[in-house]
Amino acid sequence: MSGPRRPLAVRLAGLVKLEHTVFALPFAYMGAVTALGHFPDARTALLILLAMAGARTAAMTFNRIVDLPLDRRNPRTAGRELVTGEVSQTQARILLAVSAGVFLAAAWLLNPLAFVLSPLALAVILGYSYTKRFTPASHLFLGASLGIAPVGGWIAATGEWGTPPLILGAAVAAWTAGFDIIYALLDTEFDRREKLHSIPAALGEERALYVSRALHAAMVVLLVWYGRVLGLGSLYVIGVFIVAAFLVWEHTLVTPQDKSRVNTAFFTMNGIVSIVLFVFTLLDALRGRGQ
């Protein structure tokens, strides 16, 4: 006999994996901190949080709606809330509309440039859901979606466009694409059977892991470049070294022969990477640049 039905809020949070907001949110704040040289004021910080939560919730909900036919056929995703009926398609569409509205409203309250660019950002993060149907570069599209976070944080804090956040955005994009390739190892055979496109399905799992390592190496190079462009200090550099060490460790956890620790590599390690880098960047800003 099944247990009591979970509250709707819990089911919706499960649908979008709300806890994984930790991947992108620290980078949005990192963009703001490095733009200002300090943590943004309370109003800006709250609006960045609302914008990030709204954008990510909209993207995840849209992905679940679009992928529902595939999720029904994939044993790995058979327990997702839309598949089991714990969340109805109507409820998911309402969540999509509300979360997209929250994102656009937060952007409007931040500054004119953030609001003008918000529809483009929304199009990118929603459009990712279709990319695996036609290109193995779908991982890079996901990377671009998360790479918007630090650029958005910079614009939210300053109201201005700049070249430096594009470097940080590229670093986040490379990092995201790299760990998404690792996660895609779980679906290699399913992707091939369903004629979906992924790096593991296209190149094989061994070569896919080489691509993932190259992307993560690129992330570290881009982070170093970002620090040099902005003149960030020694604490930021220490944070980058720690991140590099965690990325090396992440790549020791998974092989084509042993994918049992993919979830550890994907969720635990990458949550640590984003938080550690933000914390050291913030500490560096509080201490003063160039020290």
Protein backbone atom coordinates (compact mmCIF):
# COMPACT_ATOMS: atom_id res chain seq x y z
CA MET A 1 0.00 0.00 0.00
CA SER A 2 1.40 3.37 -1.00
CA GLY A 3 2.16 6.01 1.61
CA PRO A 4 0.46 9.38 1.97
CA ARG A 5 0.64 11.71 -1.01
CA ARG A 6 3.40 14.30 -0.68
CA PRO A 7 2.44 17.98 -0.48
CA LEU A 8 2.21 19.67 -3.89
CA ALA A 9 5.10 22.02 -3.10
CA VAL A 10 7.33 19.04 -2.37
CA ARG A 11 6.27 17.31 -5.58
CA LEU A 12 6.94 20.42 -7.64
CA ALA A 13 10.34 20.90 -5.99
CA GLY A 14 11.13 17.29 -6.86
CA LEU A 15 10.01 17.83 -10.44
CA VAL A 16 12.58 20.58 -11.00
CA LYS A 17 15.24 19.27 -8.60
CA LEU A 18 15.16 22.58 -6.76
CA GLU A 19 18.22 21.70 -4.69
CA HIS A 20 20.36 21.74 -7.84
CA THR A 21 19.94 25.51 -8.10
CA VAL A 22 23.23 25.45 -6.14
CA PHE A 23 25.03 24.73 -9.43
CA ALA A 24 24.31 28.11 -11.03
CA LEU A 25 23.35 30.51 -8.24
CA PRO A 26 26.88 30.90 -6.79
CA PHE A 27 28.15 31.87 -10.24
CA ALA A 28 25.47 34.54 -10.60
CA TYR A 29 26.58 36.02 -7.29
CA MET A 30 30.20 35.61 -8.35
CA GLY A 31 29.50 37.74 -11.43
CA ALA A 32 27.97 40.42 -9.21
CA VAL A 33 30.76 40.32 -6.62
CA THR A 34 33.56 40.60 -9.19
CA ALA A 35 31.74 43.43 -10.96
CA LEU A 36 31.29 45.45 -7.78
CA GLY A 37 34.25 44.38 -5.67
CA HIS A 38 31.83 43.48 -2.86
CA PHE A 39 28.60 41.58 -2.27
CA PRO A 40 25.57 43.39 -3.74
CA ASP A 41 23.03 45.16 -1.56
CA ALA A 42 20.15 43.17 -0.10
CA ARG A 43 17.61 44.22 -2.75
CA THR A 44 19.88 43.29 -5.67
CA ALA A 45 20.92 40.02 -4.01
CA LEU A 46 17.27 39.04 -3.49
CA LEU A 47 16.32 39.91 -7.06
CA ILE A 48 19.26 37.88 -8.39
CA LEU A 49 18.04 34.95 -6.29
CA LEU A 50 14.49 35.30 -7.62
CA ALA A 51 15.69 35.67 -11.20
CA MET A 52 17.92 32.59 -10.95
CA ALA A 53 15.28 30.47 -9.23
CA GLY A 54 12.64 31.56 -11.72
CA ALA A 55 14.82 30.95 -14.77
CA ARG A 56 16.05 27.58 -13.61
CA THR A 57 12.59 26.40 -12.55
CA ALA A 58 11.17 27.45 -15.91
CA ALA A 59 13.96 25.64 -17.78
CA MET A 60 13.63 22.44 -15.77
CA THR A 61 9.83 22.39 -15.97
CA PHE A 62 9.91 22.97 -19.71
CA ASN A 63 12.46 20.17 -20.06
CA ARG A 64 10.25 17.76 -18.13
CA ILE A 65 7.23 18.64 -20.28
CA VAL A 66 9.13 18.32 -23.57
CA ASP A 67 10.88 15.09 -22.54
CA LEU A 68 7.82 13.39 -21.06
CA PRO A 69 7.44 10.84 -23.92
CA LEU A 70 11.13 9.95 -23.63
CA ASP A 71 11.05 9.80 -19.83
CA ARG A 72 8.22 7.28 -20.01
CA ARG A 73 10.41 4.95 -22.08
CA ASN A 74 13.63 5.41 -20.10
CA PRO A 75 13.92 3.17 -17.01
CA ARG A 76 16.19 5.76 -15.34
CA THR A 77 13.55 8.46 -15.52
CA ALA A 78 10.44 6.37 -14.96
CA GLY A 79 10.06 7.72 -11.43
CA ARG A 80 9.89 11.38 -12.41
CA GLU A 81 6.83 13.20 -11.12
CA LEU A 82 5.26 13.86 -14.52
CA VAL A 83 5.70 10.24 -15.53
CA THR A 84 4.14 8.85 -12.35
CA GLY A 85 1.35 11.42 -12.34
CA GLU A 86 2.38 12.96 -9.03
CA VAL A 87 2.44 16.24 -10.92
CA SER A 88 -0.08 16.77 -13.74
CA GLN A 89 0.81 18.38 -17.04
CA THR A 90 -1.54 21.24 -16.19
CA GLN A 91 0.28 21.84 -12.90
CA ALA A 92 3.61 21.74 -14.71
CA ARG A 93 2.45 24.29 -17.28
CA ILE A 94 1.22 26.60 -14.53
CA LEU A 95 4.59 26.27 -12.77
CA LEU A 96 6.34 27.06 -16.06
CA ALA A 97 4.28 30.21 -16.60
CA VAL A 98 4.69 31.41 -13.00
CA SER A 99 8.43 30.78 -12.85
CA ALA A 100 9.05 32.46 -16.21
CA GLY A 101 6.99 35.40 -14.94
CA VAL A 102 9.07 35.59 -11.77
CA PHE A 103 12.25 35.67 -13.84
CA LEU A 104 10.99 38.44 -16.14
CA ALA A 105 9.62 40.47 -13.23
CA ALA A 106 12.91 40.20 -11.31
CA ALA A 107 14.84 41.29 -14.40
CA TRP A 108 12.48 44.27 -14.83
CA LEU A 109 13.02 45.32 -11.21
CA LEU A 110 16.80 45.01 -11.52
CA ASN A 111 17.53 47.41 -14.38
CA PRO A 112 16.55 48.17 -18.00
CA LEU A 113 19.38 46.15 -19.61
CA ALA A 114 18.58 43.06 -17.55
CA PHE A 115 14.94 43.31 -18.61
CA VAL A 116 15.72 43.87 -22.30
CA LEU A 117 17.98 40.80 -22.38
CA SER A 118 15.72 38.57 -20.26
CA PRO A 119 13.57 37.23 -23.15
CA LEU A 120 16.73 36.21 -25.03
CA ALA A 121 18.06 34.44 -21.94
CA LEU A 122 14.73 32.68 -21.50
CA ALA A 123 14.76 31.54 -25.13
CA VAL A 124 18.25 30.06 -24.71
CA ILE A 125 17.52 28.15 -21.52
CA LEU A 126 14.20 26.78 -22.81
CA GLY A 127 15.55 26.00 -26.26
CA TYR A 128 18.20 23.66 -24.84
CA SER A 129 15.54 21.00 -24.27
CA TYR A 130 15.23 20.38 -28.02
CA THR A 131 18.93 20.24 -28.88
CA LYS A 132 19.59 16.57 -28.13
CA ARG A 133 17.12 15.73 -30.88
CA PHE A 134 19.46 17.07 -33.58
CA THR A 135 23.05 17.60 -32.32
CA PRO A 136 25.63 15.97 -30.03
CA ALA A 137 26.60 19.53 -29.09
CA SER A 138 23.53 19.57 -26.83
CA HIS A 139 25.93 19.55 -23.86
CA LEU A 140 27.38 22.85 -25.06
CA PHE A 141 23.90 24.34 -25.32
CA LEU A 142 23.28 23.37 -21.71
CA GLY A 143 26.62 24.94 -20.87
CA ALA A 144 25.56 28.15 -22.56
CA SER A 145 22.35 28.11 -20.53
CA LEU A 146 24.23 28.01 -17.22
CA GLY A 147 26.92 30.32 -18.57
CA ILE A 148 24.29 33.04 -18.65
CA ALA A 149 24.28 33.07 -14.82
CA PRO A 150 27.51 35.03 -14.17
CA VAL A 151 26.83 37.37 -17.09
CA GLY A 152 23.37 37.98 -15.66
CA GLY A 153 24.82 38.58 -12.20
CA TRP A 154 27.24 41.16 -13.60
CA ILE A 155 24.47 42.97 -15.48
CA ALA A 156 22.14 42.77 -12.47
CA ALA A 157 24.77 44.46 -10.29
CA THR A 158 25.96 47.12 -12.72
CA GLY A 159 23.25 47.62 -15.31
CA GLU A 160 26.00 47.49 -17.92
CA TRP A 161 27.44 45.02 -20.43
CA GLY A 162 31.07 44.00 -20.16
CA THR A 163 33.65 41.67 -21.70
CA PRO A 164 34.98 40.11 -18.46
CA PRO A 165 31.73 38.31 -17.54
CA LEU A 166 31.79 36.62 -20.94
CA ILE A 167 35.04 34.94 -19.89
CA LEU A 168 33.45 33.71 -16.66
CA GLY A 169 30.37 32.68 -18.60
CA ALA A 170 32.54 30.64 -20.96
CA ALA A 171 34.22 28.98 -17.96
CA VAL A 172 30.84 28.02 -16.51
CA ALA A 173 29.70 26.78 -19.94
CA ALA A 174 32.77 24.54 -20.27
CA TRP A 175 32.32 23.22 -16.74
CA THR A 176 28.64 22.47 -17.29
CA ALA A 177 29.15 20.77 -20.64
CA GLY A 178 31.91 18.65 -19.11
CA PHE A 179 29.83 17.35 -16.23
CA ASP A 180 26.76 16.90 -18.45
CA ILE A 181 28.80 14.55 -20.64
CA ILE A 182 29.62 12.50 -17.54
CA TYR A 183 25.93 12.37 -16.59
CA ALA A 184 25.00 11.37 -20.15
CA LEU A 185 26.99 8.15 -19.70
CA LEU A 186 23.95 6.78 -17.86
CA ASP A 187 21.86 7.04 -21.04
CA THR A 188 24.31 6.03 -23.77
CA GLU A 189 22.39 2.98 -24.95
CA PHE A 190 19.00 4.64 -24.52
CA ASP A 191 20.14 7.64 -26.58
CA ARG A 192 21.35 5.38 -29.37
CA ARG A 193 18.14 3.37 -29.35
CA GLU A 194 15.98 6.49 -29.43
CA LYS A 195 18.24 8.23 -31.98
CA LEU A 196 19.01 11.02 -29.53
CA HIS A 197 22.30 12.89 -29.77
CA SER A 198 24.97 13.01 -27.09
CA ILE A 199 28.75 12.92 -27.00
CA PRO A 200 28.83 9.44 -25.37
CA ALA A 201 26.38 8.08 -27.96
CA ALA A 202 28.29 9.66 -30.84
CA LEU A 203 31.91 9.07 -29.82
CA GLY A 204 31.70 6.23 -27.33
CA GLU A 205 32.11 6.53 -23.59
CA GLU A 206 35.91 6.46 -23.46
CA ARG A 207 36.31 9.30 -25.94
CA ALA A 208 33.44 11.20 -24.33
CA LEU A 209 35.34 11.26 -21.05
CA TYR A 210 38.36 12.72 -22.84
CA VAL A 211 36.13 15.50 -24.18
CA SER A 212 34.79 16.08 -20.66
CA ARG A 213 38.32 16.35 -19.27
CA ALA A 214 39.30 18.81 -22.00
CA LEU A 215 36.28 20.98 -21.20
CA HIS A 216 37.12 20.99 -17.51
CA ALA A 217 40.73 21.89 -18.28
CA ALA A 218 39.38 24.75 -20.39
CA MET A 219 37.30 25.90 -17.43
CA VAL A 220 40.40 26.21 -15.25
CA VAL A 221 42.27 28.14 -17.96
CA LEU A 222 39.33 30.51 -18.39
CA LEU A 223 39.07 31.05 -14.63
CA VAL A 224 42.75 31.97 -14.49
CA TRP A 225 42.25 34.36 -17.40
CA TYR A 226 39.26 35.93 -15.67
CA GLY A 227 41.29 36.51 -12.53
CA ARG A 228 44.09 38.16 -14.49
CA VAL A 229 41.72 40.41 -16.45
CA LEU A 230 40.10 41.72 -13.26
CA GLY A 231 43.22 41.67 -11.12
CA LEU A 232 41.72 39.29 -8.58
CA GLY A 233 43.87 38.38 -5.62
CA SER A 234 45.51 35.34 -4.05
CA LEU A 235 42.38 34.01 -2.36
CA TYR A 236 40.66 33.78 -5.74
CA VAL A 237 43.70 31.91 -7.09
CA ILE A 238 43.53 29.47 -4.17
CA GLY A 239 39.85 28.90 -4.95
CA VAL A 240 40.70 28.10 -8.57
CA PHE A 241 43.36 25.59 -7.48
CA ILE A 242 40.88 23.89 -5.15
CA VAL A 243 38.32 23.72 -7.96
CA ALA A 244 40.93 22.21 -10.28
CA ALA A 245 41.70 19.56 -7.65
CA PHE A 246 38.03 18.69 -7.27
CA LEU A 247 37.64 18.39 -11.03
CA VAL A 248 40.60 15.98 -11.20
CA TRP A 249 39.03 13.98 -8.38
CA GLU A 250 35.68 13.98 -10.17
CA HIS A 251 37.28 12.32 -13.18
CA THR A 252 38.70 9.52 -11.05
CA LEU A 253 35.19 8.52 -9.93
CA VAL A 254 33.78 7.42 -13.27
CA THR A 255 34.99 5.09 -16.02
CA PRO A 256 33.13 3.42 -18.88
CA GLN A 257 33.39 0.19 -16.90
CA ASP A 258 32.15 1.67 -13.61
CA LYS A 259 29.39 4.27 -13.69
CA SER A 260 28.13 3.57 -10.18
CA ARG A 261 29.47 6.89 -8.88
CA VAL A 262 28.14 9.14 -11.66
CA ASN A 263 25.64 10.73 -9.28
CA THR A 264 28.41 11.50 -6.78
CA ALA A 265 30.53 13.05 -9.54
CA PHE A 266 27.58 14.98 -10.97
CA PHE A 267 25.76 16.25 -7.90
CA THR A 268 28.17 16.29 -4.96
CA MET A 269 31.36 17.36 -6.70
CA ASN A 270 29.80 20.03 -8.86
CA GLY A 271 27.86 21.52 -5.99
CA ILE A 272 31.14 21.81 -4.10
CA VAL A 273 32.90 23.38 -7.11
CA SER A 274 30.43 26.25 -7.49
CA ILE A 275 30.21 27.00 -3.76
CA VAL A 276 33.97 26.84 -3.15
CA LEU A 277 34.76 29.15 -6.04
CA PHE A 278 32.15 31.69 -4.96
CA VAL A 279 33.27 31.65 -1.32
CA PHE A 280 36.93 32.24 -2.20
CA THR A 281 35.97 34.95 -4.69
CA LEU A 282 33.89 36.70 -2.05
CA LEU A 283 36.67 36.42 0.53
CA ASP A 284 39.08 37.84 -2.01
CA ALA A 285 36.76 40.79 -2.63
CA LEU A 286 36.30 41.41 1.09
CA ARG A 287 40.05 41.41 1.65
CA GLY A 288 40.67 43.71 -1.30
CA ARG A 289 41.77 43.07 -4.85
CA GLY A 290 45.37 42.43 -5.68
CA GLN A 291 46.43 41.51 -2.15
